[in-house]
Amino acid sequence: RPDIEALFASEETFLGALKVLRERI
């Protein structure tokens, strides 16, 4: 989804969030 501007993550899900950001790019 190109319209999402921010992703919230906990310390526990931080690495997964980084994977999401890399995949978006």
mmCIF file of all heavy atoms, coordinates in Angstrom:
data_MODEL
# 
_entry.id   MODEL 
# 
loop_
_atom_site.group_PDB 
_atom_site.id 
_atom_site.type_symbol 
_atom_site.label_atom_id 
_atom_site.label_alt_id 
_atom_site.label_comp_id 
_atom_site.label_asym_id 
_atom_site.label_entity_id 
_atom_site.label_seq_id 
_atom_site.pdbx_PDB_ins_code 
_atom_site.Cartn_x 
_atom_site.Cartn_y 
_atom_site.Cartn_z 
_atom_site.occupancy 
_atom_site.B_iso_or_equiv 
_atom_site.pdbx_formal_charge 
_atom_site.auth_seq_id 
_atom_site.auth_comp_id 
_atom_site.auth_asym_id 
_atom_site.auth_atom_id 
_atom_site.pdbx_PDB_model_num 
ATOM 1   N N   . ARG A 1 1  ? 0.834  -1.206  0.000  1.00 0.00 ? 1  ARG A N   1 
ATOM 2   C CA  . ARG A 1 1  ? 0.000  0.000   0.000  1.00 0.00 ? 1  ARG A CA  1 
ATOM 3   C C   . ARG A 1 1  ? 0.868  1.255   0.000  1.00 0.00 ? 1  ARG A C   1 
ATOM 4   O O   . ARG A 1 1  ? 1.536  1.546   0.992  1.00 0.00 ? 1  ARG A O   1 
ATOM 5   C CB  . ARG A 1 1  ? -0.901 0.004   1.221  1.00 0.00 ? 1  ARG A CB  1 
ATOM 6   C CG  . ARG A 1 1  ? -1.960 -1.084  1.123  1.00 0.00 ? 1  ARG A CG  1 
ATOM 7   C CD  . ARG A 1 1  ? -3.111 -0.910  2.023  1.00 0.00 ? 1  ARG A CD  1 
ATOM 8   N NE  . ARG A 1 1  ? -3.564 0.450   2.193  1.00 0.00 ? 1  ARG A NE  1 
ATOM 9   C CZ  . ARG A 1 1  ? -4.295 0.842   3.223  1.00 0.00 ? 1  ARG A CZ  1 
ATOM 10  N NH1 . ARG A 1 1  ? -4.637 -0.022  4.148  1.00 0.00 ? 1  ARG A NH1 1 
ATOM 11  N NH2 . ARG A 1 1  ? -4.686 2.084   3.323  1.00 0.00 ? 1  ARG A NH2 1 
ATOM 12  N N   . PRO A 1 2  ? 0.833  2.006   -1.088 1.00 0.00 ? 2  PRO A N   1 
ATOM 13  C CA  . PRO A 1 2  ? 1.669  3.204   -1.166 1.00 0.00 ? 2  PRO A CA  1 
ATOM 14  C C   . PRO A 1 2  ? 1.195  4.357   -0.290 1.00 0.00 ? 2  PRO A C   1 
ATOM 15  O O   . PRO A 1 2  ? 1.948  5.292   -0.043 1.00 0.00 ? 2  PRO A O   1 
ATOM 16  C CB  . PRO A 1 2  ? 1.594  3.586   -2.645 1.00 0.00 ? 2  PRO A CB  1 
ATOM 17  C CG  . PRO A 1 2  ? 0.316  2.999   -3.124 1.00 0.00 ? 2  PRO A CG  1 
ATOM 18  C CD  . PRO A 1 2  ? 0.088  1.758   -2.310 1.00 0.00 ? 2  PRO A CD  1 
ATOM 19  N N   . ASP A 1 3  ? -0.035 4.295   0.220  1.00 0.00 ? 3  ASP A N   1 
ATOM 20  C CA  . ASP A 1 3  ? -0.591 5.406   0.996  1.00 0.00 ? 3  ASP A CA  1 
ATOM 21  C C   . ASP A 1 3  ? -0.211 5.376   2.472  1.00 0.00 ? 3  ASP A C   1 
ATOM 22  O O   . ASP A 1 3  ? -0.482 6.324   3.193  1.00 0.00 ? 3  ASP A O   1 
ATOM 23  C CB  . ASP A 1 3  ? -2.117 5.428   0.858  1.00 0.00 ? 3  ASP A CB  1 
ATOM 24  C CG  . ASP A 1 3  ? -2.764 4.132   1.313  1.00 0.00 ? 3  ASP A CG  1 
ATOM 25  O OD1 . ASP A 1 3  ? -2.196 3.057   1.044  1.00 0.00 ? 3  ASP A OD1 1 
ATOM 26  O OD2 . ASP A 1 3  ? -3.842 4.191   1.916  1.00 0.00 ? 3  ASP A OD2 1 
ATOM 27  N N   . ILE A 1 4  ? 0.420  4.330   2.937  1.00 0.00 ? 4  ILE A N   1 
ATOM 28  C CA  . ILE A 1 4  ? 0.803  4.240   4.348  1.00 0.00 ? 4  ILE A CA  1 
ATOM 29  C C   . ILE A 1 4  ? 2.076  5.044   4.568  1.00 0.00 ? 4  ILE A C   1 
ATOM 30  O O   . ILE A 1 4  ? 3.043  4.925   3.820  1.00 0.00 ? 4  ILE A O   1 
ATOM 31  C CB  . ILE A 1 4  ? 0.992  2.771   4.772  1.00 0.00 ? 4  ILE A CB  1 
ATOM 32  C CG1 . ILE A 1 4  ? -0.347 2.031   4.663  1.00 0.00 ? 4  ILE A CG1 1 
ATOM 33  C CG2 . ILE A 1 4  ? 1.545  2.682   6.193  1.00 0.00 ? 4  ILE A CG2 1 
ATOM 34  C CD1 . ILE A 1 4  ? -0.267 0.569   4.996  1.00 0.00 ? 4  ILE A CD1 1 
ATOM 35  N N   . GLU A 1 5  ? 2.075  5.876   5.605  1.00 0.00 ? 5  GLU A N   1 
ATOM 36  C CA  . GLU A 1 5  ? 3.200  6.778   5.850  1.00 0.00 ? 5  GLU A CA  1 
ATOM 37  C C   . GLU A 1 5  ? 4.066  6.397   7.032  1.00 0.00 ? 5  GLU A C   1 
ATOM 38  O O   . GLU A 1 5  ? 5.186  6.881   7.163  1.00 0.00 ? 5  GLU A O   1 
ATOM 39  C CB  . GLU A 1 5  ? 2.677  8.200   6.038  1.00 0.00 ? 5  GLU A CB  1 
ATOM 40  C CG  . GLU A 1 5  ? 1.973  8.730   4.802  1.00 0.00 ? 5  GLU A CG  1 
ATOM 41  C CD  . GLU A 1 5  ? 1.432  10.125  4.993  1.00 0.00 ? 5  GLU A CD  1 
ATOM 42  O OE1 . GLU A 1 5  ? 1.718  10.749  6.036  1.00 0.00 ? 5  GLU A OE1 1 
ATOM 43  O OE2 . GLU A 1 5  ? 0.730  10.595  4.088  1.00 0.00 ? 5  GLU A OE2 1 
ATOM 44  N N   . ALA A 1 6  ? 3.558  5.524   7.913  1.00 0.00 ? 6  ALA A N   1 
ATOM 45  C CA  . ALA A 1 6  ? 4.335  5.159   9.099  1.00 0.00 ? 6  ALA A CA  1 
ATOM 46  C C   . ALA A 1 6  ? 4.019  3.736   9.507  1.00 0.00 ? 6  ALA A C   1 
ATOM 47  O O   . ALA A 1 6  ? 2.927  3.222   9.253  1.00 0.00 ? 6  ALA A O   1 
ATOM 48  C CB  . ALA A 1 6  ? 4.041  6.114   10.252 1.00 0.00 ? 6  ALA A CB  1 
ATOM 49  N N   . LEU A 1 7  ? 4.990  3.115   10.152 1.00 0.00 ? 7  LEU A N   1 
ATOM 50  C CA  . LEU A 1 7  ? 4.832  1.764   10.668 1.00 0.00 ? 7  LEU A CA  1 
ATOM 51  C C   . LEU A 1 7  ? 5.221  1.794   12.132 1.00 0.00 ? 7  LEU A C   1 
ATOM 52  O O   . LEU A 1 7  ? 6.274  2.316   12.495 1.00 0.00 ? 7  LEU A O   1 
ATOM 53  C CB  . LEU A 1 7  ? 5.743  0.809   9.888  1.00 0.00 ? 7  LEU A CB  1 
ATOM 54  C CG  . LEU A 1 7  ? 5.735  -0.650  10.276 1.00 0.00 ? 7  LEU A CG  1 
ATOM 55  C CD1 . LEU A 1 7  ? 4.344  -1.259  10.091 1.00 0.00 ? 7  LEU A CD1 1 
ATOM 56  C CD2 . LEU A 1 7  ? 6.749  -1.419  9.440  1.00 0.00 ? 7  LEU A CD2 1 
ATOM 57  N N   . PHE A 1 8  ? 4.346  1.271   12.979 1.00 0.00 ? 8  PHE A N   1 
ATOM 58  C CA  . PHE A 1 8  ? 4.628  1.202   14.409 1.00 0.00 ? 8  PHE A CA  1 
ATOM 59  C C   . PHE A 1 8  ? 5.037  -0.221  14.755 1.00 0.00 ? 8  PHE A C   1 
ATOM 60  O O   . PHE A 1 8  ? 4.411  -1.181  14.292 1.00 0.00 ? 8  PHE A O   1 
ATOM 61  C CB  . PHE A 1 8  ? 3.390  1.594   15.227 1.00 0.00 ? 8  PHE A CB  1 
ATOM 62  C CG  . PHE A 1 8  ? 3.122  3.069   15.218 1.00 0.00 ? 8  PHE A CG  1 
ATOM 63  C CD1 . PHE A 1 8  ? 2.552  3.689   14.114 1.00 0.00 ? 8  PHE A CD1 1 
ATOM 64  C CD2 . PHE A 1 8  ? 3.467  3.842   16.305 1.00 0.00 ? 8  PHE A CD2 1 
ATOM 65  C CE1 . PHE A 1 8  ? 2.318  5.049   14.088 1.00 0.00 ? 8  PHE A CE1 1 
ATOM 66  C CE2 . PHE A 1 8  ? 3.228  5.216   16.295 1.00 0.00 ? 8  PHE A CE2 1 
ATOM 67  C CZ  . PHE A 1 8  ? 2.658  5.815   15.188 1.00 0.00 ? 8  PHE A CZ  1 
ATOM 68  N N   . ALA A 1 9  ? 6.073  -0.355  15.566 1.00 0.00 ? 9  ALA A N   1 
ATOM 69  C CA  . ALA A 1 9  ? 6.558  -1.669  15.973 1.00 0.00 ? 9  ALA A CA  1 
ATOM 70  C C   . ALA A 1 9  ? 7.022  -1.599  17.420 1.00 0.00 ? 9  ALA A C   1 
ATOM 71  O O   . ALA A 1 9  ? 7.401  -0.530  17.914 1.00 0.00 ? 9  ALA A O   1 
ATOM 72  C CB  . ALA A 1 9  ? 7.721  -2.104  15.078 1.00 0.00 ? 9  ALA A CB  1 
ATOM 73  N N   . SER A 1 10 ? 6.991  -2.739  18.066 1.00 0.00 ? 10 SER A N   1 
ATOM 74  C CA  . SER A 1 10 ? 7.558  -2.817  19.415 1.00 0.00 ? 10 SER A CA  1 
ATOM 75  C C   . SER A 1 10 ? 9.015  -3.244  19.289 1.00 0.00 ? 10 SER A C   1 
ATOM 76  O O   . SER A 1 10 ? 9.478  -3.606  18.198 1.00 0.00 ? 10 SER A O   1 
ATOM 77  C CB  . SER A 1 10 ? 6.786  -3.844  20.251 1.00 0.00 ? 10 SER A CB  1 
ATOM 78  O OG  . SER A 1 10 ? 7.007  -5.151  19.740 1.00 0.00 ? 10 SER A OG  1 
ATOM 79  N N   . GLU A 1 11 ? 9.730  -3.220  20.399 1.00 0.00 ? 11 GLU A N   1 
ATOM 80  C CA  . GLU A 1 11 ? 11.102 -3.718  20.377 1.00 0.00 ? 11 GLU A CA  1 
ATOM 81  C C   . GLU A 1 11 ? 11.112 -5.169  19.906 1.00 0.00 ? 11 GLU A C   1 
ATOM 82  O O   . GLU A 1 11 ? 12.028 -5.613  19.226 1.00 0.00 ? 11 GLU A O   1 
ATOM 83  C CB  . GLU A 1 11 ? 11.734 -3.631  21.771 1.00 0.00 ? 11 GLU A CB  1 
ATOM 84  C CG  . GLU A 1 11 ? 11.894 -2.218  22.289 1.00 0.00 ? 11 GLU A CG  1 
ATOM 85  C CD  . GLU A 1 11 ? 11.102 -1.983  23.563 1.00 0.00 ? 11 GLU A CD  1 
ATOM 86  O OE1 . GLU A 1 11 ? 10.200 -2.774  23.897 1.00 0.00 ? 11 GLU A OE1 1 
ATOM 87  O OE2 . GLU A 1 11 ? 11.379 -0.971  24.221 1.00 0.00 ? 11 GLU A OE2 1 
ATOM 88  N N   . GLU A 1 12 ? 10.057 -5.878  20.226 1.00 0.00 ? 12 GLU A N   1 
ATOM 89  C CA  . GLU A 1 12 ? 9.936  -7.299  19.896 1.00 0.00 ? 12 GLU A CA  1 
ATOM 90  C C   . GLU A 1 12 ? 9.724  -7.525  18.389 1.00 0.00 ? 12 GLU A C   1 
ATOM 91  O O   . GLU A 1 12 ? 10.150 -8.539  17.850 1.00 0.00 ? 12 GLU A O   1 
ATOM 92  C CB  . GLU A 1 12 ? 8.760  -7.870  20.693 1.00 0.00 ? 12 GLU A CB  1 
ATOM 93  C CG  . GLU A 1 12 ? 8.624  -9.344  20.676 1.00 0.00 ? 12 GLU A CG  1 
ATOM 94  C CD  . GLU A 1 12 ? 7.493  -9.778  21.589 1.00 0.00 ? 12 GLU A CD  1 
ATOM 95  O OE1 . GLU A 1 12 ? 6.321  -9.495  21.271 1.00 0.00 ? 12 GLU A OE1 1 
ATOM 96  O OE2 . GLU A 1 12 ? 7.786  -10.388 22.634 1.00 0.00 ? 12 GLU A OE2 1 
ATOM 97  N N   . THR A 1 13 ? 9.073  -6.588  17.708 1.00 0.00 ? 13 THR A N   1 
ATOM 98  C CA  . THR A 1 13 ? 8.758  -6.759  16.284 1.00 0.00 ? 13 THR A CA  1 
ATOM 99  C C   . THR A 1 13 ? 9.609  -5.866  15.378 1.00 0.00 ? 13 THR A C   1 
ATOM 100 O O   . THR A 1 13 ? 9.373  -5.797  14.175 1.00 0.00 ? 13 THR A O   1 
ATOM 101 C CB  . THR A 1 13 ? 7.268  -6.471  16.031 1.00 0.00 ? 13 THR A CB  1 
ATOM 102 O OG1 . THR A 1 13 ? 6.975  -5.126  16.409 1.00 0.00 ? 13 THR A OG1 1 
ATOM 103 C CG2 . THR A 1 13 ? 6.377  -7.429  16.807 1.00 0.00 ? 13 THR A CG2 1 
ATOM 104 N N   . PHE A 1 14 ? 10.608 -5.221  15.946 1.00 0.00 ? 14 PHE A N   1 
ATOM 105 C CA  . PHE A 1 14 ? 11.443 -4.270  15.217 1.00 0.00 ? 14 PHE A CA  1 
ATOM 106 C C   . PHE A 1 14 ? 12.114 -4.890  13.987 1.00 0.00 ? 14 PHE A C   1 
ATOM 107 O O   . PHE A 1 14 ? 12.088 -4.308  12.894 1.00 0.00 ? 14 PHE A O   1 
ATOM 108 C CB  . PHE A 1 14 ? 12.500 -3.691  16.166 1.00 0.00 ? 14 PHE A CB  1 
ATOM 109 C CG  . PHE A 1 14 ? 13.499 -2.805  15.505 1.00 0.00 ? 14 PHE A CG  1 
ATOM 110 C CD1 . PHE A 1 14 ? 13.151 -1.538  15.086 1.00 0.00 ? 14 PHE A CD1 1 
ATOM 111 C CD2 . PHE A 1 14 ? 14.798 -3.237  15.295 1.00 0.00 ? 14 PHE A CD2 1 
ATOM 112 C CE1 . PHE A 1 14 ? 14.077 -0.707  14.471 1.00 0.00 ? 14 PHE A CE1 1 
ATOM 113 C CE2 . PHE A 1 14 ? 15.729 -2.418  14.681 1.00 0.00 ? 14 PHE A CE2 1 
ATOM 114 C CZ  . PHE A 1 14 ? 15.368 -1.152  14.271 1.00 0.00 ? 14 PHE A CZ  1 
ATOM 115 N N   . LEU A 1 15 ? 12.707 -6.064  14.134 1.00 0.00 ? 15 LEU A N   1 
ATOM 116 C CA  . LEU A 1 15 ? 13.402 -6.684  12.996 1.00 0.00 ? 15 LEU A CA  1 
ATOM 117 C C   . LEU A 1 15 ? 12.436 -7.016  11.860 1.00 0.00 ? 15 LEU A C   1 
ATOM 118 O O   . LEU A 1 15 ? 12.763 -6.841  10.688 1.00 0.00 ? 15 LEU A O   1 
ATOM 119 C CB  . LEU A 1 15 ? 14.163 -7.926  13.449 1.00 0.00 ? 15 LEU A CB  1 
ATOM 120 C CG  . LEU A 1 15 ? 15.346 -7.656  14.385 1.00 0.00 ? 15 LEU A CG  1 
ATOM 121 C CD1 . LEU A 1 15 ? 16.009 -8.969  14.807 1.00 0.00 ? 15 LEU A CD1 1 
ATOM 122 C CD2 . LEU A 1 15 ? 16.355 -6.729  13.742 1.00 0.00 ? 15 LEU A CD2 1 
ATOM 123 N N   . GLY A 1 16 ? 11.247 -7.453  12.190 1.00 0.00 ? 16 GLY A N   1 
ATOM 124 C CA  . GLY A 1 16 ? 10.240 -7.712  11.169 1.00 0.00 ? 16 GLY A CA  1 
ATOM 125 C C   . GLY A 1 16 ? 9.826  -6.434  10.458 1.00 0.00 ? 16 GLY A C   1 
ATOM 126 O O   . GLY A 1 16 ? 9.613  -6.423  9.247  1.00 0.00 ? 16 GLY A O   1 
ATOM 127 N N   . ALA A 1 17 ? 9.743  -5.348  11.207 1.00 0.00 ? 17 ALA A N   1 
ATOM 128 C CA  . ALA A 1 17 ? 9.388  -4.058  10.611 1.00 0.00 ? 17 ALA A CA  1 
ATOM 129 C C   . ALA A 1 17 ? 10.473 -3.596  9.633  1.00 0.00 ? 17 ALA A C   1 
ATOM 130 O O   . ALA A 1 17 ? 10.171 -3.048  8.572  1.00 0.00 ? 17 ALA A O   1 
ATOM 131 C CB  . ALA A 1 17 ? 9.177  -3.014  11.705 1.00 0.00 ? 17 ALA A CB  1 
ATOM 132 N N   . LEU A 1 18 ? 11.736 -3.835  9.967  1.00 0.00 ? 18 LEU A N   1 
ATOM 133 C CA  . LEU A 1 18 ? 12.815 -3.485  9.049  1.00 0.00 ? 18 LEU A CA  1 
ATOM 134 C C   . LEU A 1 18 ? 12.697 -4.275  7.744  1.00 0.00 ? 18 LEU A C   1 
ATOM 135 O O   . LEU A 1 18 ? 12.948 -3.741  6.663  1.00 0.00 ? 18 LEU A O   1 
ATOM 136 C CB  . LEU A 1 18 ? 14.174 -3.749  9.692  1.00 0.00 ? 18 LEU A CB  1 
ATOM 137 C CG  . LEU A 1 18 ? 14.604 -2.785  10.795 1.00 0.00 ? 18 LEU A CG  1 
ATOM 138 C CD1 . LEU A 1 18 ? 15.957 -3.203  11.355 1.00 0.00 ? 18 LEU A CD1 1 
ATOM 139 C CD2 . LEU A 1 18 ? 14.649 -1.353  10.288 1.00 0.00 ? 18 LEU A CD2 1 
ATOM 140 N N   . LYS A 1 19 ? 12.302 -5.527  7.847  1.00 0.00 ? 19 LYS A N   1 
ATOM 141 C CA  . LYS A 1 19 ? 12.102 -6.343  6.641  1.00 0.00 ? 19 LYS A CA  1 
ATOM 142 C C   . LYS A 1 19 ? 10.985 -5.764  5.779  1.00 0.00 ? 19 LYS A C   1 
ATOM 143 O O   . LYS A 1 19 ? 11.079 -5.755  4.553  1.00 0.00 ? 19 LYS A O   1 
ATOM 144 C CB  . LYS A 1 19 ? 11.782 -7.789  7.025  1.00 0.00 ? 19 LYS A CB  1 
ATOM 145 C CG  . LYS A 1 19 ? 12.960 -8.526  7.614  1.00 0.00 ? 19 LYS A CG  1 
ATOM 146 C CD  . LYS A 1 19 ? 12.568 -9.934  8.014  1.00 0.00 ? 19 LYS A CD  1 
ATOM 147 C CE  . LYS A 1 19 ? 13.727 -10.644 8.686  1.00 0.00 ? 19 LYS A CE  1 
ATOM 148 N NZ  . LYS A 1 19 ? 13.372 -11.990 9.119  1.00 0.00 ? 19 LYS A NZ  1 
ATOM 149 N N   . VAL A 1 20 ? 9.928  -5.289  6.415  1.00 0.00 ? 20 VAL A N   1 
ATOM 150 C CA  . VAL A 1 20 ? 8.827  -4.665  5.679  1.00 0.00 ? 20 VAL A CA  1 
ATOM 151 C C   . VAL A 1 20 ? 9.330  -3.432  4.939  1.00 0.00 ? 20 VAL A C   1 
ATOM 152 O O   . VAL A 1 20 ? 9.030  -3.230  3.756  1.00 0.00 ? 20 VAL A O   1 
ATOM 153 C CB  . VAL A 1 20 ? 7.659  -4.292  6.633  1.00 0.00 ? 20 VAL A CB  1 
ATOM 154 C CG1 . VAL A 1 20 ? 6.647  -3.398  5.941  1.00 0.00 ? 20 VAL A CG1 1 
ATOM 155 C CG2 . VAL A 1 20 ? 6.992  -5.558  7.159  1.00 0.00 ? 20 VAL A CG2 1 
ATOM 156 N N   . LEU A 1 21 ? 10.111 -2.596  5.619  1.00 0.00 ? 21 LEU A N   1 
ATOM 157 C CA  . LEU A 1 21 ? 10.628 -1.385  4.987  1.00 0.00 ? 21 LEU A CA  1 
ATOM 158 C C   . LEU A 1 21 ? 11.530 -1.724  3.804  1.00 0.00 ? 21 LEU A C   1 
ATOM 159 O O   . LEU A 1 21 ? 11.442 -1.095  2.748  1.00 0.00 ? 21 LEU A O   1 
ATOM 160 C CB  . LEU A 1 21 ? 11.377 -0.525  6.005  1.00 0.00 ? 21 LEU A CB  1 
ATOM 161 C CG  . LEU A 1 21 ? 10.543 0.064   7.141  1.00 0.00 ? 21 LEU A CG  1 
ATOM 162 C CD1 . LEU A 1 21 ? 11.419 0.880   8.074  1.00 0.00 ? 21 LEU A CD1 1 
ATOM 163 C CD2 . LEU A 1 21 ? 9.407  0.904   6.607  1.00 0.00 ? 21 LEU A CD2 1 
ATOM 164 N N   . ARG A 1 22 ? 12.403 -2.713  3.964  1.00 0.00 ? 22 ARG A N   1 
ATOM 165 C CA  . ARG A 1 22 ? 13.288 -3.122  2.864  1.00 0.00 ? 22 ARG A CA  1 
ATOM 166 C C   . ARG A 1 22 ? 12.486 -3.642  1.682  1.00 0.00 ? 22 ARG A C   1 
ATOM 167 O O   . ARG A 1 22 ? 12.790 -3.355  0.524  1.00 0.00 ? 22 ARG A O   1 
ATOM 168 C CB  . ARG A 1 22 ? 14.279 -4.188  3.343  1.00 0.00 ? 22 ARG A CB  1 
ATOM 169 C CG  . ARG A 1 22 ? 15.444 -3.597  4.104  1.00 0.00 ? 22 ARG A CG  1 
ATOM 170 C CD  . ARG A 1 22 ? 16.578 -4.594  4.252  1.00 0.00 ? 22 ARG A CD  1 
ATOM 171 N NE  . ARG A 1 22 ? 16.207 -5.771  5.026  1.00 0.00 ? 22 ARG A NE  1 
ATOM 172 C CZ  . ARG A 1 22 ? 16.378 -5.897  6.324  1.00 0.00 ? 22 ARG A CZ  1 
ATOM 173 N NH1 . ARG A 1 22 ? 16.910 -4.935  7.032  1.00 0.00 ? 22 ARG A NH1 1 
ATOM 174 N NH2 . ARG A 1 22 ? 16.013 -7.002  6.951  1.00 0.00 ? 22 ARG A NH2 1 
ATOM 175 N N   . GLU A 1 23 ? 11.425 -4.409  1.957  1.00 0.00 ? 23 GLU A N   1 
ATOM 176 C CA  . GLU A 1 23 ? 10.603 -4.960  0.881  1.00 0.00 ? 23 GLU A CA  1 
ATOM 177 C C   . GLU A 1 23 ? 9.852  -3.855  0.147  1.00 0.00 ? 23 GLU A C   1 
ATOM 178 O O   . GLU A 1 23 ? 9.692  -3.912  -1.076 1.00 0.00 ? 23 GLU A O   1 
ATOM 179 C CB  . GLU A 1 23 ? 9.628  -6.004  1.436  1.00 0.00 ? 23 GLU A CB  1 
ATOM 180 C CG  . GLU A 1 23 ? 8.767  -6.664  0.395  1.00 0.00 ? 23 GLU A CG  1 
ATOM 181 C CD  . GLU A 1 23 ? 9.525  -7.453  -0.658 1.00 0.00 ? 23 GLU A CD  1 
ATOM 182 O OE1 . GLU A 1 23 ? 10.704 -7.815  -0.454 1.00 0.00 ? 23 GLU A OE1 1 
ATOM 183 O OE2 . GLU A 1 23 ? 8.929  -7.729  -1.722 1.00 0.00 ? 23 GLU A OE2 1 
ATOM 184 N N   . ARG A 1 24 ? 9.396  -2.841  0.869  1.00 0.00 ? 24 ARG A N   1 
ATOM 185 C CA  . ARG A 1 24 ? 8.739  -1.698  0.212  1.00 0.00 ? 24 ARG A CA  1 
ATOM 186 C C   . ARG A 1 24 ? 9.687  -1.032  -0.776 1.00 0.00 ? 24 ARG A C   1 
ATOM 187 O O   . ARG A 1 24 ? 9.318  -0.743  -1.901 1.00 0.00 ? 24 ARG A O   1 
ATOM 188 C CB  . ARG A 1 24 ? 8.289  -0.659  1.253  1.00 0.00 ? 24 ARG A CB  1 
ATOM 189 C CG  . ARG A 1 24 ? 7.025  -0.998  1.978  1.00 0.00 ? 24 ARG A CG  1 
ATOM 190 C CD  . ARG A 1 24 ? 6.677  0.100   2.971  1.00 0.00 ? 24 ARG A CD  1 
ATOM 191 N NE  . ARG A 1 24 ? 6.409  1.375   2.336  1.00 0.00 ? 24 ARG A NE  1 
ATOM 192 C CZ  . ARG A 1 24 ? 5.221  1.750   1.870  1.00 0.00 ? 24 ARG A CZ  1 
ATOM 193 N NH1 . ARG A 1 24 ? 4.186  0.948   1.955  1.00 0.00 ? 24 ARG A NH1 1 
ATOM 194 N NH2 . ARG A 1 24 ? 5.062  2.940   1.324  1.00 0.00 ? 24 ARG A NH2 1 
ATOM 195 N N   . ILE A 1 25 ? 10.903 -0.810  -0.338 1.00 0.00 ? 25 ILE A N   1 
ATOM 196 C CA  . ILE A 1 25 ? 11.886 -0.156  -1.203 1.00 0.00 ? 25 ILE A CA  1 
ATOM 197 C C   . ILE A 1 25 ? 12.193 -1.049  -2.412 1.00 0.00 ? 25 ILE A C   1 
ATOM 198 O O   . ILE A 1 25 ? 12.276 -0.572  -3.542 1.00 0.00 ? 25 ILE A O   1 
ATOM 199 C CB  . ILE A 1 25 ? 13.154 0.190   -0.402 1.00 0.00 ? 25 ILE A CB  1 
ATOM 200 C CG1 . ILE A 1 25 ? 12.816 1.283   0.618  1.00 0.00 ? 25 ILE A CG1 1 
ATOM 201 C CG2 . ILE A 1 25 ? 14.285 0.626   -1.323 1.00 0.00 ? 25 ILE A CG2 1 
ATOM 202 C CD1 . ILE A 1 25 ? 13.873 1.520   1.666  1.00 0.00 ? 25 ILE A CD1 1 
# 
